[in-house]
Amino acid sequence: MTHAMLKGSNVPLKATTVRAVLRWTPGQGVPDVDASALLLGLDGRVRSDEDFVFYNQPRHPSGKVWRLGKKRVAEGLTDTIQTDLSGVESGVGQILLVASADGVTFDRVRSLTIALYDAAADAEPLATFDIRPETGEETALICGELYRRGEGWKFRALGEGYSNGLKGLATDFGISVDESEEASAAAEPASEPAPRTPSLSQPLPPEQPTSAVPQQQPAYGYPASLPTYGYGYPDGSFRLPPQGPQFVGR
């Protein structure tokens, strides 16, 4: 039997592995929606940046929480997070299930729903929750949470919104965001080649005398080289460099 949930309600979970499926109806002007998860310790915050499962880090190091990716189904588009509840570390007290809309407000997302399935059974959903943003200005939503109760787990329907996107939501729970790197990445896309440094022998703009040019800087203010922020892929996604997970906006 499927539980049709209201905001704030909860339901016990007997399944050991669950799929949380976000579904929405695509259309003109409807933004793409991404599913992600935050694993929170007993203090309600992440233990490290590795506890953030999202498009740049699709699998938790424990192997117990991961993204299955997007699919087109008869009802619309889906993005899915799967969790092996039986194997989640004891230090994790709750797992937030999040939807983000890449800077576009959720008032433009139609028929947003989260459905929980027993991953081991091909059956109807265990629970469904129709998510309705409170203001319409949200760009990220906590759709629900998986949380421990005694020896088992429960799911609670939430629908809590953030107007400052996935970055703001993640920061609120302890994820480190490199602001300088994100700002530089936005100003200089990694896909663009670094401009050639002009020689000081080239003519300067009339209003700028040669003496005004710093000895260690190119004549026109471009950096001599650009840092690499991540790896671009043909599908338009963006991956972080291997030295460690930091949030980079999409």
Protein backbone atom coordinates (compact mmCIF):
# COMPACT_ATOMS: atom_id res chain seq x y z
CA MET A 1 0.00 0.00 0.00
CA THR A 2 1.34 3.44 -0.96
CA HIS A 3 1.26 6.16 1.70
CA ALA A 4 0.24 9.53 0.23
CA MET A 5 2.06 11.84 2.60
CA LEU A 6 1.39 15.33 3.86
CA LYS A 7 4.09 17.80 4.81
CA GLY A 8 5.55 16.87 8.21
CA SER A 9 4.17 13.34 8.25
CA ASN A 10 6.38 10.26 8.55
CA VAL A 11 6.27 6.59 7.74
CA PRO A 12 8.40 3.65 8.98
CA LEU A 13 10.52 1.85 6.42
CA LYS A 14 10.88 -1.93 6.41
CA ALA A 15 12.94 -1.99 3.22
CA THR A 16 16.70 -2.22 3.69
CA THR A 17 17.51 -0.50 0.38
CA VAL A 18 15.33 2.35 -0.84
CA ARG A 19 15.15 4.42 -4.01
CA ALA A 20 14.06 8.03 -3.64
CA VAL A 21 12.77 9.12 -7.04
CA LEU A 22 12.21 12.79 -7.85
CA ARG A 23 9.74 13.27 -10.71
CA TRP A 24 8.58 16.41 -12.51
CA THR A 25 6.91 17.37 -15.78
CA PRO A 26 9.22 18.94 -18.38
CA GLY A 27 8.17 21.73 -20.70
CA GLN A 28 9.12 25.07 -22.16
CA GLY A 29 10.69 27.26 -19.48
CA VAL A 30 10.81 24.41 -16.95
CA PRO A 31 14.29 24.12 -15.41
CA ASP A 32 16.25 20.92 -15.09
CA VAL A 33 16.04 19.43 -11.59
CA ASP A 34 18.87 17.61 -9.81
CA ALA A 35 18.58 15.18 -6.90
CA SER A 36 21.23 15.14 -4.18
CA ALA A 37 21.68 13.88 -0.62
CA LEU A 38 23.43 15.06 2.53
CA LEU A 39 24.45 12.54 5.18
CA LEU A 40 24.25 14.23 8.58
CA GLY A 41 25.94 13.19 11.78
CA LEU A 42 24.22 13.04 15.15
CA ASP A 43 24.78 16.80 15.53
CA GLY A 44 22.73 17.54 12.40
CA ARG A 45 25.73 18.53 10.25
CA VAL A 46 27.91 16.74 7.71
CA ARG A 47 31.06 15.11 9.08
CA SER A 48 33.07 16.19 6.03
CA ASP A 49 32.50 17.38 2.45
CA GLU A 50 32.39 13.72 1.40
CA ASP A 51 28.94 13.48 3.01
CA PHE A 52 27.50 15.46 0.09
CA VAL A 53 26.26 13.25 -2.78
CA PHE A 54 25.44 15.38 -5.83
CA TYR A 55 26.16 15.75 -9.56
CA ASN A 56 29.89 16.43 -9.04
CA GLN A 57 30.26 13.64 -6.46
CA PRO A 58 27.66 10.99 -7.35
CA ARG A 59 28.66 8.28 -4.87
CA HIS A 60 29.42 8.41 -1.15
CA PRO A 61 32.81 6.89 -0.20
CA SER A 62 31.01 4.26 1.89
CA GLY A 63 29.23 3.05 -1.25
CA LYS A 64 25.89 3.11 0.60
CA VAL A 65 24.36 6.26 -0.96
CA TRP A 66 24.57 7.06 -4.66
CA ARG A 67 22.83 8.74 -7.58
CA LEU A 68 21.27 6.50 -10.22
CA GLY A 69 20.88 9.36 -12.70
CA LYS A 70 18.07 10.78 -14.78
CA LYS A 71 15.47 8.98 -16.85
CA ARG A 72 12.52 9.90 -19.02
CA VAL A 73 9.39 8.01 -18.00
CA ALA A 74 5.74 8.19 -19.03
CA GLU A 75 4.96 10.67 -16.24
CA GLY A 76 7.90 12.99 -17.01
CA LEU A 77 11.56 13.13 -15.97
CA THR A 78 13.15 11.54 -12.92
CA ASP A 79 16.38 11.75 -10.94
CA THR A 80 17.07 9.14 -8.27
CA ILE A 81 19.04 8.64 -5.06
CA GLN A 82 19.46 5.08 -3.78
CA THR A 83 20.43 4.21 -0.21
CA ASP A 84 21.43 0.93 1.42
CA LEU A 85 20.01 1.73 4.85
CA SER A 86 21.34 -1.47 6.39
CA GLY A 87 24.92 -0.42 5.62
CA VAL A 88 24.84 3.28 6.54
CA GLU A 89 27.46 4.05 9.18
CA SER A 90 26.24 4.37 12.76
CA GLY A 91 27.56 7.94 12.89
CA VAL A 92 24.94 9.03 10.34
CA GLY A 93 21.63 9.97 11.95
CA GLN A 94 19.72 11.30 8.95
CA ILE A 95 19.96 11.62 5.18
CA LEU A 96 18.42 14.68 3.54
CA LEU A 97 16.92 14.19 0.07
CA VAL A 98 17.29 17.42 -1.88
CA ALA A 99 16.07 18.89 -5.19
CA SER A 100 17.79 21.87 -6.84
CA ALA A 101 16.87 23.79 -9.97
CA ASP A 102 20.15 25.34 -11.11
CA GLY A 103 19.33 28.93 -10.16
CA VAL A 104 15.74 28.90 -11.47
CA THR A 105 12.87 29.16 -9.00
CA PHE A 106 10.66 26.17 -8.26
CA ASP A 107 7.47 28.00 -9.15
CA ARG A 108 8.38 27.02 -12.73
CA VAL A 109 8.71 23.30 -11.92
CA ARG A 110 5.48 21.43 -12.54
CA SER A 111 4.16 18.38 -10.66
CA LEU A 112 7.24 17.85 -8.47
CA THR A 113 6.91 14.60 -6.52
CA ILE A 114 9.20 12.37 -4.48
CA ALA A 115 8.40 8.67 -4.30
CA LEU A 116 10.12 6.03 -2.15
CA TYR A 117 10.49 2.48 -3.43
CA ASP A 118 11.81 -0.75 -2.01
CA ALA A 119 14.78 -1.26 -4.33
CA ALA A 120 14.59 -5.02 -3.89
CA ALA A 121 10.97 -5.30 -5.05
CA ASP A 122 9.34 -4.36 -8.33
CA ALA A 123 6.21 -2.94 -6.76
CA GLU A 124 4.26 0.26 -6.17
CA PRO A 125 5.88 3.04 -4.14
CA LEU A 126 6.10 2.76 -0.37
CA ALA A 127 5.27 6.46 -0.05
CA THR A 128 4.72 9.53 -2.23
CA PHE A 129 4.83 13.24 -1.43
CA ASP A 130 3.66 16.02 -3.76
CA ILE A 131 6.02 18.93 -3.11
CA ARG A 132 4.60 22.43 -3.22
CA PRO A 133 7.06 25.29 -2.63
CA GLU A 134 5.87 27.69 0.05
CA THR A 135 6.88 30.92 -1.73
CA GLY A 136 7.78 29.82 -5.27
CA GLU A 137 11.10 31.65 -4.94
CA GLU A 138 12.98 28.58 -3.75
CA THR A 139 15.88 27.33 -5.90
CA ALA A 140 16.60 24.32 -3.67
CA LEU A 141 14.26 22.16 -1.59
CA ILE A 142 14.71 19.56 1.12
CA CYS A 143 12.06 17.18 -0.13
CA GLY A 144 12.29 14.76 2.78
CA GLU A 145 14.62 12.94 5.11
CA LEU A 146 15.52 9.38 5.97
CA TYR A 147 16.22 9.23 9.70
CA ARG A 148 16.99 6.65 12.35
CA ARG A 149 14.36 5.70 14.89
CA GLY A 150 15.55 3.04 17.33
CA GLU A 151 16.94 0.14 15.31
CA GLY A 152 15.09 1.13 12.14
CA TRP A 153 14.57 3.99 9.73
CA LYS A 154 11.71 6.32 8.88
CA PHE A 155 10.96 8.78 6.10
CA ARG A 156 9.57 12.26 6.82
CA ALA A 157 8.04 14.54 4.16
CA LEU A 158 9.45 18.07 4.46
CA GLY A 159 9.34 20.41 1.44
CA GLU A 160 11.56 23.07 3.06
CA GLY A 161 13.00 25.63 0.66
CA TYR A 162 16.12 27.74 0.14
CA SER A 163 16.25 30.81 -2.09
CA ASN A 164 20.06 30.73 -2.37
CA GLY A 165 20.24 27.40 -4.15
CA LEU A 166 22.11 24.19 -3.54
CA LYS A 167 25.20 26.11 -2.42
CA GLY A 168 23.28 27.89 0.32
CA LEU A 169 21.58 24.72 1.48
CA ALA A 170 24.82 22.72 1.55
CA THR A 171 26.68 25.49 3.41
CA ASP A 172 23.93 25.56 6.03
CA PHE A 173 24.74 21.95 6.93
CA GLY A 174 28.52 22.37 7.04
CA ILE A 175 29.75 21.85 3.47
CA SER A 176 32.82 23.96 2.64
CA VAL A 177 32.37 26.21 -0.37
CA ASP A 178 35.41 27.80 -2.00
CA GLU A 179 33.98 31.23 -2.85
CA SER A 180 37.11 32.50 -4.61
CA GLU A 181 37.34 29.45 -6.83
CA GLU A 182 33.64 29.58 -7.69
CA ALA A 183 33.81 33.28 -8.55
CA SER A 184 36.87 32.76 -10.74
CA ALA A 185 35.26 29.79 -12.47
CA ALA A 186 32.24 31.89 -13.31
CA ALA A 187 34.39 34.73 -14.65
CA GLU A 188 36.73 32.54 -16.71
CA PRO A 189 35.08 29.31 -17.95
CA ALA A 190 37.47 26.38 -17.91
CA SER A 191 36.57 25.56 -21.51
CA GLU A 192 38.14 28.78 -22.78
CA PRO A 193 41.87 28.64 -23.51
CA ALA A 194 44.13 30.96 -21.57
CA PRO A 195 44.84 34.12 -23.57
CA ARG A 196 48.37 34.62 -24.84
CA THR A 197 50.37 37.08 -22.80
CA PRO A 198 51.13 40.09 -24.97
CA SER A 199 54.76 41.08 -25.24
CA LEU A 200 55.80 44.36 -23.64
CA SER A 201 57.27 45.27 -27.02
CA GLN A 202 53.76 45.53 -28.45
CA PRO A 203 52.27 49.07 -28.51
CA LEU A 204 50.36 50.02 -25.38
CA PRO A 205 47.00 51.81 -25.34
CA PRO A 206 47.61 55.57 -25.76
CA GLU A 207 46.43 56.46 -22.26
CA GLN A 208 48.77 54.01 -20.53
CA PRO A 209 52.49 54.89 -20.44
CA THR A 210 55.03 52.09 -20.42
CA SER A 211 56.12 52.99 -16.91
CA ALA A 212 52.64 52.22 -15.61
CA VAL A 213 52.83 48.56 -16.61
CA PRO A 214 53.76 46.32 -13.62
CA GLN A 215 56.86 44.26 -14.30
CA GLN A 216 55.20 40.98 -13.33
CA GLN A 217 51.86 41.51 -15.11
CA PRO A 218 50.92 41.34 -18.83
CA ALA A 219 50.12 44.62 -20.55
CA TYR A 220 46.38 44.11 -20.77
CA GLY A 221 45.65 42.71 -17.33
CA TYR A 222 45.15 39.03 -18.29
CA PRO A 223 46.70 36.39 -16.07
CA ALA A 224 49.64 34.59 -17.62
CA SER A 225 47.80 31.32 -17.11
CA LEU A 226 44.43 30.18 -15.83
CA PRO A 227 43.98 27.56 -13.09
CA THR A 228 42.06 24.41 -13.90
CA TYR A 229 38.83 24.14 -11.92
CA GLY A 230 37.46 20.81 -13.03
CA TYR A 231 36.77 18.61 -15.96
CA GLY A 232 34.09 19.34 -18.55
CA TYR A 233 32.19 16.47 -20.08
CA PRO A 234 30.17 16.27 -23.32
CA ASP A 235 26.89 16.11 -21.40
CA GLY A 236 27.55 19.57 -19.96
CA SER A 237 28.33 18.35 -16.44
CA PHE A 238 31.34 19.57 -14.52
CA ARG A 239 33.61 17.43 -12.36
CA LEU A 240 35.97 18.44 -9.62
CA PRO A 241 39.74 17.78 -9.76
CA PRO A 242 40.90 14.66 -7.88
CA GLN A 243 42.42 16.47 -4.88
CA GLY A 244 39.14 16.56 -2.96
CA PRO A 245 35.43 17.38 -3.14
CA GLN A 246 34.52 21.06 -3.12
CA PHE A 247 31.19 22.41 -4.22
CA VAL A 248 31.31 24.00 -7.65
CA GLY A 249 28.03 25.43 -8.90
CA ARG A 250 26.62 24.09 -12.10
